Amino acid sequence: MEDRRADADFDPKATIVELCRLFYTQGWVSGTGGGISVRHQGRVYLAPSGVQKERMTEADLFELDEAGEVLRAPENPKLRQSACKPLFYNAFRLRDAGAVLHSHSLNAMLATLVFDDVFRCTHLEMMKGIRGTGYHDELVVPIIENTAYECDLERDMAAAMERYPQADAVLVRRHGVYVWGRDWVEAKTQAECYDYLFGAAVRMRELGIDPARRPA
């Protein structure tokens, strides 16, 4: 995928469509699950809810202001704003994020079943792909409990972000993960690194290895 950070012609809608197709192939947004939002030049671009993400087009996206008010809606009246909207706005408001991804990754979901309140790992090379984290550090990601409706996660996610200001992700028990970054490039990079680390930690637990234990 082309790096568009320095591109004056950056198109957030085209980027969201491209990313959703990519994430579908990774199993992150299958069955209409998951989503993505990008903030650019005072506007927020939001994928709709309940659509096949790999078939989504630019015309399907919502355009909002930074307060969450709709500036431009799709012509298709059946399309609804993503149920993830208040969670995305948590990252915009509390972390000044430029992009937020919501993944239903199997690795993320399983990680919430083998850790209690917090995911922890250390001394894994892919940790270096997470902002502000080195190989010798401990990577920590808070885990919140799932709810029947996505919007009801807003308060618990915000509280977890306040408690763990260094984390660029929040896991949701039996559900998935929210990951953000300063722009779509960092959000994508971190989402891929987190996913690898979640999968590695689950496998390590299966092998009787504590992923949070420092090697001798």
N, C-alpha and C. Protein backbone atom coordinates (compact mmCIF):
# COMPACT_ATOMS: atom_id res chain seq x y z
N MET A 1 0.84 -1.19 0.00
CA MET A 1 0.00 0.00 0.00
C MET A 1 0.88 1.25 0.00
N GLU A 2 0.50 2.22 -0.80
CA GLU A 2 1.27 3.45 -0.94
C GLU A 2 1.25 4.25 0.34
N ASP A 3 2.40 4.80 0.71
CA ASP A 3 2.50 5.67 1.88
C ASP A 3 2.08 7.07 1.46
N ARG A 4 0.97 7.57 1.99
CA ARG A 4 0.43 8.84 1.55
C ARG A 4 0.58 9.95 2.58
N ARG A 5 1.39 9.76 3.59
CA ARG A 5 1.49 10.76 4.65
C ARG A 5 1.90 12.12 4.12
N ALA A 6 2.81 12.14 3.14
CA ALA A 6 3.33 13.41 2.64
C ALA A 6 2.62 13.83 1.36
N ASP A 7 1.54 13.17 0.98
CA ASP A 7 0.85 13.42 -0.27
C ASP A 7 -0.20 14.50 -0.06
N ALA A 8 -0.04 15.63 -0.75
CA ALA A 8 -1.00 16.72 -0.62
C ALA A 8 -2.37 16.32 -1.14
N ASP A 9 -2.41 15.31 -1.97
CA ASP A 9 -3.67 14.84 -2.55
C ASP A 9 -4.24 13.65 -1.78
N PHE A 10 -3.80 13.45 -0.55
CA PHE A 10 -4.28 12.34 0.26
C PHE A 10 -5.80 12.30 0.29
N ASP A 11 -6.35 11.14 0.02
CA ASP A 11 -7.79 10.95 -0.01
C ASP A 11 -8.19 9.99 1.10
N PRO A 12 -8.75 10.50 2.21
CA PRO A 12 -9.09 9.62 3.33
C PRO A 12 -10.14 8.58 2.98
N LYS A 13 -11.07 8.92 2.11
CA LYS A 13 -12.11 7.96 1.74
C LYS A 13 -11.51 6.78 0.97
N ALA A 14 -10.65 7.08 0.01
CA ALA A 14 -10.01 6.01 -0.76
C ALA A 14 -9.15 5.15 0.13
N THR A 15 -8.50 5.77 1.11
CA THR A 15 -7.64 5.03 2.04
C THR A 15 -8.46 4.08 2.90
N ILE A 16 -9.61 4.54 3.40
CA ILE A 16 -10.47 3.69 4.22
C ILE A 16 -10.95 2.49 3.43
N VAL A 17 -11.39 2.71 2.19
CA VAL A 17 -11.86 1.60 1.35
C VAL A 17 -10.74 0.60 1.11
N GLU A 18 -9.56 1.11 0.81
CA GLU A 18 -8.40 0.24 0.56
C GLU A 18 -8.04 -0.57 1.79
N LEU A 19 -8.04 0.07 2.95
CA LEU A 19 -7.69 -0.62 4.19
C LEU A 19 -8.72 -1.68 4.56
N CYS A 20 -10.00 -1.37 4.37
CA CYS A 20 -11.03 -2.35 4.71
C CYS A 20 -10.90 -3.60 3.85
N ARG A 21 -10.56 -3.42 2.59
CA ARG A 21 -10.35 -4.59 1.73
C ARG A 21 -9.15 -5.40 2.19
N LEU A 22 -8.10 -4.70 2.59
CA LEU A 22 -6.91 -5.39 3.10
C LEU A 22 -7.23 -6.14 4.38
N PHE A 23 -7.92 -5.50 5.30
CA PHE A 23 -8.21 -6.12 6.59
C PHE A 23 -9.18 -7.29 6.45
N TYR A 24 -10.01 -7.25 5.41
CA TYR A 24 -10.89 -8.39 5.16
C TYR A 24 -10.06 -9.63 4.84
N THR A 25 -9.01 -9.46 4.05
CA THR A 25 -8.16 -10.61 3.70
C THR A 25 -7.41 -11.14 4.91
N GLN A 26 -7.24 -10.30 5.93
CA GLN A 26 -6.56 -10.72 7.16
C GLN A 26 -7.53 -11.32 8.18
N GLY A 27 -8.81 -11.33 7.85
CA GLY A 27 -9.79 -11.88 8.78
C GLY A 27 -10.16 -10.95 9.91
N TRP A 28 -9.91 -9.67 9.74
CA TRP A 28 -10.18 -8.72 10.82
C TRP A 28 -11.57 -8.09 10.74
N VAL A 29 -12.18 -8.07 9.55
CA VAL A 29 -13.47 -7.39 9.38
C VAL A 29 -14.47 -8.27 8.64
N SER A 30 -14.37 -9.56 8.83
CA SER A 30 -15.29 -10.48 8.16
C SER A 30 -16.68 -10.39 8.77
N GLY A 31 -17.68 -10.83 8.00
CA GLY A 31 -19.05 -10.82 8.50
C GLY A 31 -19.57 -9.45 8.85
N THR A 32 -19.13 -8.42 8.16
CA THR A 32 -19.48 -7.00 8.35
C THR A 32 -18.92 -6.43 9.65
N GLY A 33 -18.13 -7.21 10.40
CA GLY A 33 -17.60 -6.73 11.67
C GLY A 33 -16.44 -5.76 11.48
N GLY A 34 -16.02 -5.15 12.58
CA GLY A 34 -14.88 -4.26 12.57
C GLY A 34 -15.17 -2.94 11.87
N GLY A 35 -14.14 -2.11 11.74
CA GLY A 35 -14.33 -0.82 11.08
C GLY A 35 -13.10 0.04 11.17
N ILE A 36 -13.21 1.23 10.57
CA ILE A 36 -12.08 2.15 10.56
C ILE A 36 -12.60 3.57 10.42
N SER A 37 -11.89 4.51 11.02
CA SER A 37 -12.20 5.93 10.87
C SER A 37 -10.90 6.70 10.75
N VAL A 38 -10.90 7.71 9.89
CA VAL A 38 -9.72 8.54 9.66
C VAL A 38 -10.08 9.99 9.88
N ARG A 39 -9.24 10.73 10.60
CA ARG A 39 -9.43 12.16 10.81
C ARG A 39 -8.43 12.92 9.96
N HIS A 40 -8.92 13.89 9.20
CA HIS A 40 -8.05 14.61 8.27
C HIS A 40 -8.58 16.02 8.06
N GLN A 41 -7.73 17.00 8.39
CA GLN A 41 -8.03 18.42 8.17
C GLN A 41 -9.39 18.82 8.77
N GLY A 42 -9.60 18.41 10.02
CA GLY A 42 -10.79 18.82 10.73
C GLY A 42 -12.04 18.03 10.40
N ARG A 43 -11.91 17.02 9.56
CA ARG A 43 -13.04 16.17 9.21
C ARG A 43 -12.76 14.75 9.66
N VAL A 44 -13.83 14.02 9.97
CA VAL A 44 -13.73 12.62 10.36
C VAL A 44 -14.49 11.80 9.33
N TYR A 45 -13.83 10.79 8.79
CA TYR A 45 -14.42 9.93 7.77
C TYR A 45 -14.68 8.56 8.40
N LEU A 46 -15.91 8.08 8.23
CA LEU A 46 -16.37 6.93 9.00
C LEU A 46 -17.00 5.89 8.09
N ALA A 47 -16.55 4.64 8.24
CA ALA A 47 -17.16 3.54 7.51
C ALA A 47 -18.54 3.25 8.10
N PRO A 48 -19.49 2.83 7.27
CA PRO A 48 -20.83 2.53 7.78
C PRO A 48 -20.88 1.23 8.55
N SER A 49 -21.98 1.02 9.25
CA SER A 49 -22.17 -0.18 10.05
C SER A 49 -22.90 -1.24 9.24
N GLY A 50 -22.59 -2.51 9.50
CA GLY A 50 -23.34 -3.61 8.94
C GLY A 50 -23.21 -3.81 7.45
N VAL A 51 -22.05 -3.45 6.89
CA VAL A 51 -21.85 -3.66 5.45
C VAL A 51 -20.67 -4.61 5.24
N GLN A 52 -20.65 -5.23 4.08
CA GLN A 52 -19.52 -6.08 3.71
C GLN A 52 -18.32 -5.17 3.44
N LYS A 53 -17.35 -5.22 4.33
CA LYS A 53 -16.26 -4.25 4.26
C LYS A 53 -15.43 -4.36 2.98
N GLU A 54 -15.32 -5.57 2.42
CA GLU A 54 -14.52 -5.73 1.21
C GLU A 54 -15.22 -5.21 -0.04
N ARG A 55 -16.53 -4.93 0.07
CA ARG A 55 -17.31 -4.42 -1.06
C ARG A 55 -17.69 -2.94 -0.89
N MET A 56 -17.24 -2.35 0.17
CA MET A 56 -17.56 -0.97 0.47
C MET A 56 -16.92 -0.03 -0.55
N THR A 57 -17.60 1.07 -0.86
CA THR A 57 -17.06 2.07 -1.78
C THR A 57 -16.96 3.42 -1.07
N GLU A 58 -16.30 4.36 -1.71
CA GLU A 58 -16.15 5.69 -1.13
C GLU A 58 -17.50 6.37 -0.93
N ALA A 59 -18.45 6.06 -1.79
CA ALA A 59 -19.78 6.65 -1.69
C ALA A 59 -20.55 6.19 -0.45
N ASP A 60 -20.07 5.13 0.19
CA ASP A 60 -20.74 4.57 1.37
C ASP A 60 -20.31 5.24 2.67
N LEU A 61 -19.30 6.11 2.62
CA LEU A 61 -18.72 6.66 3.84
C LEU A 61 -19.45 7.90 4.32
N PHE A 62 -19.40 8.09 5.64
CA PHE A 62 -19.93 9.29 6.28
C PHE A 62 -18.79 10.29 6.49
N GLU A 63 -19.12 11.56 6.38
CA GLU A 63 -18.17 12.63 6.66
C GLU A 63 -18.73 13.46 7.81
N LEU A 64 -17.96 13.59 8.90
CA LEU A 64 -18.43 14.26 10.10
C LEU A 64 -17.46 15.36 10.51
N ASP A 65 -17.92 16.23 11.42
CA ASP A 65 -16.99 17.19 12.00
C ASP A 65 -16.39 16.59 13.27
N GLU A 66 -15.53 17.33 13.94
CA GLU A 66 -14.83 16.77 15.09
C GLU A 66 -15.71 16.67 16.33
N ALA A 67 -16.91 17.21 16.25
CA ALA A 67 -17.88 17.05 17.34
C ALA A 67 -18.81 15.87 17.08
N GLY A 68 -18.67 15.24 15.91
CA GLY A 68 -19.48 14.07 15.60
C GLY A 68 -20.73 14.36 14.79
N GLU A 69 -20.92 15.62 14.36
CA GLU A 69 -22.09 15.97 13.57
C GLU A 69 -21.86 15.60 12.10
N VAL A 70 -22.88 15.06 11.47
CA VAL A 70 -22.75 14.62 10.08
C VAL A 70 -22.73 15.82 9.14
N LEU A 71 -21.68 15.88 8.32
CA LEU A 71 -21.56 16.92 7.32
C LEU A 71 -22.02 16.42 5.95
N ARG A 72 -21.78 15.14 5.71
CA ARG A 72 -22.19 14.54 4.45
C ARG A 72 -22.49 13.07 4.69
N ALA A 73 -23.67 12.65 4.30
CA ALA A 73 -24.08 11.25 4.47
C ALA A 73 -24.17 10.57 3.11
N PRO A 74 -24.05 9.26 3.06
CA PRO A 74 -24.20 8.54 1.79
C PRO A 74 -25.60 8.74 1.22
N GLU A 75 -25.71 8.63 -0.09
CA GLU A 75 -27.02 8.75 -0.73
C GLU A 75 -27.93 7.57 -0.38
N ASN A 76 -27.31 6.43 -0.10
CA ASN A 76 -28.10 5.24 0.26
C ASN A 76 -28.69 5.43 1.66
N PRO A 77 -30.01 5.57 1.77
CA PRO A 77 -30.62 5.86 3.09
C PRO A 77 -30.56 4.67 4.04
N LYS A 78 -30.22 3.51 3.55
CA LYS A 78 -30.16 2.33 4.41
C LYS A 78 -28.86 2.27 5.22
N LEU A 79 -27.87 3.06 4.81
CA LEU A 79 -26.58 3.02 5.50
C LEU A 79 -26.64 3.79 6.81
N ARG A 80 -26.05 3.23 7.84
CA ARG A 80 -26.02 3.83 9.17
C ARG A 80 -24.58 4.09 9.59
N GLN A 81 -24.38 5.09 10.42
CA GLN A 81 -23.05 5.35 10.94
C GLN A 81 -22.58 4.15 11.76
N SER A 82 -21.29 3.90 11.72
CA SER A 82 -20.73 2.77 12.46
C SER A 82 -21.10 2.84 13.94
N ALA A 83 -21.47 1.69 14.49
CA ALA A 83 -21.72 1.60 15.92
C ALA A 83 -20.46 1.89 16.73
N CYS A 84 -19.31 1.84 16.07
CA CYS A 84 -18.03 2.10 16.73
C CYS A 84 -17.75 3.60 16.90
N LYS A 85 -18.60 4.43 16.34
CA LYS A 85 -18.32 5.88 16.32
C LYS A 85 -17.89 6.45 17.67
N PRO A 86 -18.61 6.23 18.78
CA PRO A 86 -18.17 6.82 20.05
C PRO A 86 -16.83 6.28 20.53
N LEU A 87 -16.47 5.05 20.13
CA LEU A 87 -15.18 4.49 20.51
C LEU A 87 -14.06 5.14 19.70
N PHE A 88 -14.33 5.36 18.42
CA PHE A 88 -13.36 6.07 17.58
C PHE A 88 -13.12 7.48 18.12
N TYR A 89 -14.20 8.13 18.51
CA TYR A 89 -14.06 9.50 19.01
C TYR A 89 -13.32 9.55 20.35
N ASN A 90 -13.37 8.47 21.11
CA ASN A 90 -12.53 8.40 22.31
C ASN A 90 -11.06 8.60 21.95
N ALA A 91 -10.62 7.90 20.90
CA ALA A 91 -9.22 7.99 20.49
C ALA A 91 -8.90 9.36 19.91
N PHE A 92 -9.83 9.94 19.16
CA PHE A 92 -9.60 11.29 18.62
C PHE A 92 -9.50 12.30 19.75
N ARG A 93 -10.38 12.16 20.74
CA ARG A 93 -10.47 13.15 21.82
C ARG A 93 -9.37 12.98 22.85
N LEU A 94 -9.10 11.73 23.27
CA LEU A 94 -8.17 11.48 24.36
C LEU A 94 -6.73 11.27 23.90
N ARG A 95 -6.54 10.89 22.63
CA ARG A 95 -5.19 10.60 22.15
C ARG A 95 -4.78 11.42 20.94
N ASP A 96 -5.66 12.31 20.50
CA ASP A 96 -5.37 13.11 19.31
C ASP A 96 -5.02 12.21 18.12
N ALA A 97 -5.69 11.08 18.02
CA ALA A 97 -5.40 10.11 16.97
C ALA A 97 -5.79 10.66 15.60
N GLY A 98 -5.10 10.16 14.57
CA GLY A 98 -5.44 10.51 13.20
C GLY A 98 -6.21 9.41 12.52
N ALA A 99 -6.16 8.20 13.09
CA ALA A 99 -6.89 7.06 12.54
C ALA A 99 -7.09 6.03 13.64
N VAL A 100 -8.23 5.33 13.56
CA VAL A 100 -8.55 4.30 14.54
C VAL A 100 -9.09 3.09 13.80
N LEU A 101 -8.60 1.90 14.18
CA LEU A 101 -9.04 0.65 13.57
C LEU A 101 -9.73 -0.21 14.63
N HIS A 102 -10.81 -0.85 14.24
CA HIS A 102 -11.46 -1.82 15.11
C HIS A 102 -11.41 -3.18 14.42
N SER A 103 -10.73 -4.13 15.05
CA SER A 103 -10.52 -5.45 14.48
C SER A 103 -11.24 -6.52 15.28
N HIS A 104 -11.84 -7.48 14.57
CA HIS A 104 -12.41 -8.67 15.19
C HIS A 104 -11.44 -9.85 15.03
N SER A 105 -10.18 -9.54 15.04
CA SER A 105 -9.13 -10.55 14.89
C SER A 105 -9.30 -11.69 15.91
N LEU A 106 -9.11 -12.91 15.43
CA LEU A 106 -9.16 -14.07 16.32
C LEU A 106 -8.06 -13.99 17.36
N ASN A 107 -6.87 -13.53 16.97
CA ASN A 107 -5.77 -13.41 17.93
C ASN A 107 -6.14 -12.46 19.07
N ALA A 108 -6.75 -11.33 18.73
CA ALA A 108 -7.14 -10.37 19.75
C ALA A 108 -8.20 -10.96 20.68
N MET A 109 -9.20 -11.59 20.10
CA MET A 109 -10.27 -12.16 20.92
C MET A 109 -9.74 -13.23 21.87
N LEU A 110 -8.87 -14.13 21.37
CA LEU A 110 -8.32 -15.19 22.21
C LEU A 110 -7.43 -14.62 23.32
N ALA A 111 -6.72 -13.54 23.00
CA ALA A 111 -5.85 -12.93 24.03
C ALA A 111 -6.67 -12.47 25.22
N THR A 112 -7.92 -12.04 24.98
CA THR A 112 -8.76 -11.58 26.09
C THR A 112 -9.23 -12.74 26.97
N LEU A 113 -9.11 -13.97 26.48
CA LEU A 113 -9.54 -15.13 27.25
C LEU A 113 -8.42 -15.73 28.09
N VAL A 114 -7.18 -15.43 27.75
CA VAL A 114 -6.06 -16.01 28.49
C VAL A 114 -5.37 -14.99 29.40
N PHE A 115 -5.79 -13.74 29.34
CA PHE A 115 -5.30 -12.71 30.26
C PHE A 115 -6.49 -12.18 31.06
N ASP A 116 -6.22 -11.64 32.23
CA ASP A 116 -7.29 -11.15 33.08
C ASP A 116 -7.68 -9.71 32.71
N ASP A 117 -7.17 -8.74 33.44
CA ASP A 117 -7.56 -7.35 33.18
C ASP A 117 -6.61 -6.64 32.23
N VAL A 118 -5.42 -7.18 32.05
CA VAL A 118 -4.40 -6.52 31.24
C VAL A 118 -3.61 -7.56 30.46
N PHE A 119 -3.37 -7.27 29.19
CA PHE A 119 -2.46 -8.08 28.38
C PHE A 119 -1.05 -7.58 28.63
N ARG A 120 -0.11 -8.52 28.84
CA ARG A 120 1.28 -8.15 29.08
C ARG A 120 2.21 -9.07 28.30
N CYS A 121 3.25 -8.49 27.74
CA CYS A 121 4.32 -9.30 27.14
C CYS A 121 5.61 -8.50 27.16
N THR A 122 6.71 -9.19 26.99
CA THR A 122 8.02 -8.54 26.97
C THR A 122 9.00 -9.36 26.14
N HIS A 123 10.07 -8.69 25.71
CA HIS A 123 11.16 -9.33 24.98
C HIS A 123 10.67 -10.10 23.74
N LEU A 124 9.83 -9.43 22.97
CA LEU A 124 9.40 -9.95 21.67
C LEU A 124 9.71 -8.87 20.63
N GLU A 125 10.35 -9.25 19.56
CA GLU A 125 10.86 -8.29 18.59
C GLU A 125 9.78 -7.36 18.04
N MET A 126 8.57 -7.89 17.81
CA MET A 126 7.53 -7.07 17.20
C MET A 126 7.02 -5.97 18.12
N MET A 127 7.42 -5.99 19.37
CA MET A 127 7.08 -4.88 20.27
C MET A 127 7.67 -3.57 19.78
N LYS A 128 8.76 -3.65 19.03
CA LYS A 128 9.42 -2.44 18.54
C LYS A 128 8.57 -1.70 17.51
N GLY A 129 7.53 -2.34 17.01
CA GLY A 129 6.63 -1.67 16.09
C GLY A 129 5.54 -0.86 16.78
N ILE A 130 5.52 -0.90 18.11
CA ILE A 130 4.55 -0.14 18.89
C ILE A 130 5.20 1.16 19.37
N ARG A 131 4.53 2.26 19.17
CA ARG A 131 5.09 3.58 19.50
C ARG A 131 5.60 3.63 20.95
N GLY A 132 6.83 4.07 21.12
CA GLY A 132 7.40 4.26 22.45
C GLY A 132 7.78 2.98 23.17
N THR A 133 7.85 1.85 22.46
CA THR A 133 8.12 0.56 23.10
C THR A 133 9.35 -0.08 22.51
N GLY A 134 10.22 -0.58 23.36
CA GLY A 134 11.43 -1.27 22.93
C GLY A 134 11.40 -2.73 23.31
N TYR A 135 12.37 -3.47 22.85
CA TYR A 135 12.45 -4.91 23.06
C TYR A 135 12.48 -5.28 24.54
N HIS A 136 13.16 -4.49 25.36
CA HIS A 136 13.32 -4.81 26.78
C HIS A 136 12.17 -4.28 27.65
N ASP A 137 11.25 -3.57 27.05
CA ASP A 137 10.14 -3.00 27.81
C ASP A 137 9.06 -4.05 28.08
N GLU A 138 8.07 -3.67 28.86
CA GLU A 138 6.87 -4.48 29.03
C GLU A 138 5.74 -3.78 28.28
N LEU A 139 5.11 -4.48 27.37
CA LEU A 139 3.97 -3.94 26.64
C LEU A 139 2.69 -4.28 27.39
N VAL A 140 1.87 -3.28 27.64
CA VAL A 140 0.65 -3.44 28.42
C VAL A 140 -0.54 -2.93 27.60
N VAL A 141 -1.59 -3.73 27.52
CA VAL A 141 -2.83 -3.33 26.84
C VAL A 141 -4.00 -3.65 27.77
N PRO A 142 -4.80 -2.65 28.13
CA PRO A 142 -5.94 -2.92 29.02
C PRO A 142 -7.02 -3.74 28.32
N ILE A 143 -7.76 -4.50 29.11
CA ILE A 143 -8.87 -5.32 28.61
C ILE A 143 -10.14 -4.86 29.32
N ILE A 144 -11.17 -4.54 28.55
CA ILE A 144 -12.46 -4.18 29.14
C ILE A 144 -13.49 -5.25 28.80
N GLU A 145 -14.56 -5.30 29.57
CA GLU A 145 -15.59 -6.30 29.35
C GLU A 145 -16.51 -5.91 28.20
N ASN A 146 -16.96 -6.88 27.46
CA ASN A 146 -17.85 -6.63 26.33
C ASN A 146 -19.26 -6.27 26.82
N THR A 147 -20.02 -5.66 25.95
CA THR A 147 -21.42 -5.34 26.22
C THR A 147 -22.26 -5.81 25.02
N ALA A 148 -23.56 -5.82 25.20
CA ALA A 148 -24.44 -6.27 24.12
C ALA A 148 -24.44 -5.30 22.96
N TYR A 149 -24.20 -4.02 23.25
CA TYR A 149 -24.20 -2.99 22.21
C TYR A 149 -22.87 -2.24 22.25
N GLU A 150 -22.28 -2.06 21.06
CA GLU A 150 -20.94 -1.47 20.97
C GLU A 150 -20.86 -0.10 21.62
N CYS A 151 -21.88 0.73 21.41
CA CYS A 151 -21.83 2.09 21.92
C CYS A 151 -21.72 2.12 23.45
N ASP A 152 -22.16 1.05 24.12
CA ASP A 152 -22.11 1.00 25.58
C ASP A 152 -20.70 0.79 26.12
N LEU A 153 -19.75 0.56 25.22
CA LEU A 153 -18.35 0.39 25.62
C LEU A 153 -17.64 1.73 25.82
N GLU A 154 -18.27 2.81 25.40
CA GLU A 154 -17.60 4.11 25.35
C GLU A 154 -16.97 4.51 26.68
N ARG A 155 -17.75 4.44 27.76
CA ARG A 155 -17.24 4.91 29.05
C ARG A 155 -16.11 4.03 29.58
N ASP A 156 -16.26 2.70 29.47
CA ASP A 156 -15.22 1.80 29.97
C ASP A 156 -13.94 1.93 29.15
N MET A 157 -14.08 2.12 27.85
CA MET A 157 -12.89 2.30 27.02
C MET A 157 -12.17 3.59 27.41
N ALA A 158 -12.91 4.67 27.59
CA ALA A 158 -12.29 5.94 27.97
C ALA A 158 -11.57 5.82 29.32
N ALA A 159 -12.20 5.11 30.27
CA ALA A 159 -11.58 4.93 31.58
C ALA A 159 -10.29 4.13 31.47
N ALA A 160 -10.30 3.10 30.63
CA ALA A 160 -9.09 2.29 30.43
C ALA A 160 -7.98 3.12 29.79
N MET A 161 -8.35 3.97 28.86
CA MET A 161 -7.35 4.83 28.21
C MET A 161 -6.75 5.81 29.20
N GLU A 162 -7.56 6.29 30.13
CA GLU A 162 -7.05 7.20 31.16
C GLU A 162 -6.09 6.47 32.10
N ARG A 163 -6.42 5.21 32.43
CA ARG A 163 -5.58 4.45 33.36
C ARG A 163 -4.26 4.02 32.73
N TYR A 164 -4.27 3.81 31.42
CA TYR A 164 -3.07 3.33 30.73
C TYR A 164 -2.72 4.29 29.59
N PRO A 165 -2.19 5.45 29.92
CA PRO A 165 -1.95 6.49 28.90
C PRO A 165 -0.90 6.12 27.87
N GLN A 166 -0.06 5.13 28.14
CA GLN A 166 0.97 4.73 27.18
C GLN A 166 0.44 3.75 26.14
N ALA A 167 -0.72 3.16 26.38
CA ALA A 167 -1.25 2.15 25.46
C ALA A 167 -1.89 2.80 24.25
N ASP A 168 -1.65 2.23 23.08
CA ASP A 168 -2.29 2.68 21.85
C ASP A 168 -3.33 1.67 21.39
N ALA A 169 -3.87 0.92 22.32
CA ALA A 169 -4.91 -0.07 22.01
C ALA A 169 -5.70 -0.40 23.27
N VAL A 170 -6.93 -0.84 23.06
CA VAL A 170 -7.77 -1.38 24.13
C VAL A 170 -8.42 -2.65 23.61
N LEU A 171 -8.25 -3.73 24.36
CA LEU A 171 -8.88 -5.01 24.02
C LEU A 171 -10.28 -5.08 24.64
N VAL A 172 -11.18 -5.76 23.94
CA VAL A 172 -12.55 -5.96 24.44
C VAL A 172 -12.79 -7.46 24.56
N ARG A 173 -13.11 -7.90 25.77
CA ARG A 173 -13.25 -9.32 26.08
C ARG A 173 -14.23 -10.01 25.11
N ARG A 174 -13.79 -11.16 24.58
CA ARG A 174 -14.60 -11.98 23.68
C ARG A 174 -15.10 -11.22 22.44
N HIS A 175 -14.35 -10.20 22.07
CA HIS A 175 -14.82 -9.31 20.99
C HIS A 175 -13.70 -8.98 20.01
N GLY A 176 -12.75 -8.16 20.42
CA GLY A 176 -11.69 -7.73 19.50
C GLY A 176 -10.84 -6.65 20.11
N VAL A 177 -10.39 -5.70 19.28
CA VAL A 177 -9.47 -4.67 19.76
C VAL A 177 -9.68 -3.37 18.98
N TYR A 178 -9.43 -2.25 19.67
CA TYR A 178 -9.36 -0.93 19.05
C TYR A 178 -7.90 -0.50 19.09
N VAL A 179 -7.38 -0.04 17.96
CA VAL A 179 -6.00 0.41 17.84
C VAL A 179 -5.99 1.75 17.12
N TRP A 180 -5.16 2.67 17.57
CA TRP A 180 -5.10 3.98 16.93
C TRP A 180 -3.65 4.39 16.70
N GLY A 181 -3.49 5.48 15.93
CA GLY A 181 -2.17 6.03 15.66
C GLY A 181 -2.30 7.47 15.24
N ARG A 182 -1.15 8.13 15.08
CA ARG A 182 -1.17 9.55 14.70
C ARG A 182 -1.71 9.75 13.29
N ASP A 183 -1.59 8.73 12.45
CA ASP A 183 -2.16 8.75 11.11
C ASP A 183 -2.48 7.31 10.73
N TRP A 184 -3.01 7.10 9.52
CA TRP A 184 -3.41 5.75 9.14
C TRP A 184 -2.21 4.82 9.04
N VAL A 185 -1.05 5.36 8.69
CA VAL A 185 0.15 4.53 8.56
C VAL A 185 0.54 3.94 9.91
N GLU A 186 0.60 4.80 10.92
CA GLU A 186 0.96 4.32 12.25
C GLU A 186 -0.11 3.41 12.82
N ALA A 187 -1.38 3.74 12.59
CA ALA A 187 -2.46 2.88 13.09
C ALA A 187 -2.39 1.49 12.46
N LYS A 188 -2.17 1.44 11.16
CA LYS A 188 -2.05 0.15 10.46
C LYS A 188 -0.86 -0.64 10.96
N THR A 189 0.29 0.03 11.07
CA THR A 189 1.50 -0.64 11.54
C THR A 189 1.30 -1.22 12.94
N GLN A 190 0.75 -0.41 13.83
CA GLN A 190 0.57 -0.87 15.20
C GLN A 190 -0.48 -1.98 15.27
N ALA A 191 -1.53 -1.88 14.49
CA ALA A 191 -2.55 -2.94 14.50
C ALA A 191 -1.93 -4.28 14.08
N GLU A 192 -1.07 -4.27 13.10
CA GLU A 192 -0.43 -5.51 12.65
C GLU A 192 0.53 -6.05 13.70
N CYS A 193 1.27 -5.14 14.35
CA CYS A 193 2.21 -5.59 15.38
C CYS A 193 1.46 -6.12 16.61
N TYR A 194 0.43 -5.41 17.04
CA TYR A 194 -0.37 -5.90 18.15
C TYR A 194 -0.95 -7.28 17.83
N ASP A 195 -1.47 -7.44 16.63
CA ASP A 195 -2.09 -8.71 16.29
C ASP A 195 -1.08 -9.85 16.36
N TYR A 196 0.11 -9.62 15.87
CA TYR A 196 1.18 -10.63 15.96
C TYR A 196 1.46 -10.96 17.42
N LEU A 197 1.57 -9.92 18.24
CA LEU A 197 1.91 -10.13 19.66
C LEU A 197 0.79 -10.83 20.41
N PHE A 198 -0.46 -10.52 20.10
CA PHE A 198 -1.58 -11.23 20.72
C PHE A 198 -1.51 -12.72 20.38
N GLY A 199 -1.29 -13.01 19.10
CA GLY A 199 -1.21 -14.40 18.67
C GLY A 199 -0.03 -15.13 19.29
N ALA A 200 1.11 -14.44 19.35
CA ALA A 200 2.31 -15.05 19.92
C ALA A 200 2.10 -15.35 21.40
N ALA A 201 1.48 -14.42 22.12
CA ALA A 201 1.27 -14.60 23.56
C ALA A 201 0.32 -15.76 23.85
N VAL A 202 -0.73 -15.88 23.04
CA VAL A 202 -1.66 -17.00 23.22
C VAL A 202 -0.94 -18.32 22.99
N ARG A 203 -0.14 -18.39 21.96
CA ARG A 203 0.61 -19.62 21.65
C ARG A 203 1.63 -19.92 22.75
N MET A 204 2.30 -18.89 23.27
CA MET A 204 3.26 -19.08 24.36
C MET A 204 2.57 -19.65 25.59
N ARG A 205 1.38 -19.15 25.90
CA ARG A 205 0.64 -19.69 27.04
C ARG A 205 0.33 -21.17 26.83
N GLU A 206 -0.02 -21.54 25.59
CA GLU A 206 -0.30 -22.95 25.28
C GLU A 206 0.94 -23.82 25.52
N LEU A 207 2.11 -23.24 25.30
CA LEU A 207 3.37 -23.97 25.47
C LEU A 207 3.90 -23.88 26.90
N GLY A 208 3.14 -23.25 27.78
CA GLY A 208 3.56 -23.14 29.17
C GLY A 208 4.57 -22.04 29.41
N ILE A 209 4.65 -21.08 28.48
CA ILE A 209 5.60 -19.96 28.60
C ILE A 209 4.83 -18.70 28.95
N ASP A 210 5.27 -17.98 29.97
CA ASP A 210 4.63 -16.74 30.36
C ASP A 210 5.18 -15.61 29.48
N PRO A 211 4.37 -15.01 28.60
CA PRO A 211 4.89 -13.96 27.71
C PRO A 211 5.31 -12.70 28.43
N ALA A 212 4.90 -12.53 29.70
CA ALA A 212 5.29 -11.36 30.47
C ALA A 212 6.55 -11.60 31.31
N ARG A 213 7.06 -12.82 31.28
CA ARG A 213 8.26 -13.15 32.08
C ARG A 213 9.52 -12.77 31.30
N ARG A 214 10.39 -12.06 31.97
CA ARG A 214 11.65 -11.67 31.34
C ARG A 214 12.58 -12.87 31.26
N PRO A 215 13.25 -13.05 30.12
CA PRO A 215 14.17 -14.19 30.00
C PRO A 215 15.34 -14.06 30.95
N ALA A 216 15.86 -15.17 31.40
CA ALA A 216 16.98 -15.15 32.34
C ALA A 216 18.24 -14.64 31.66
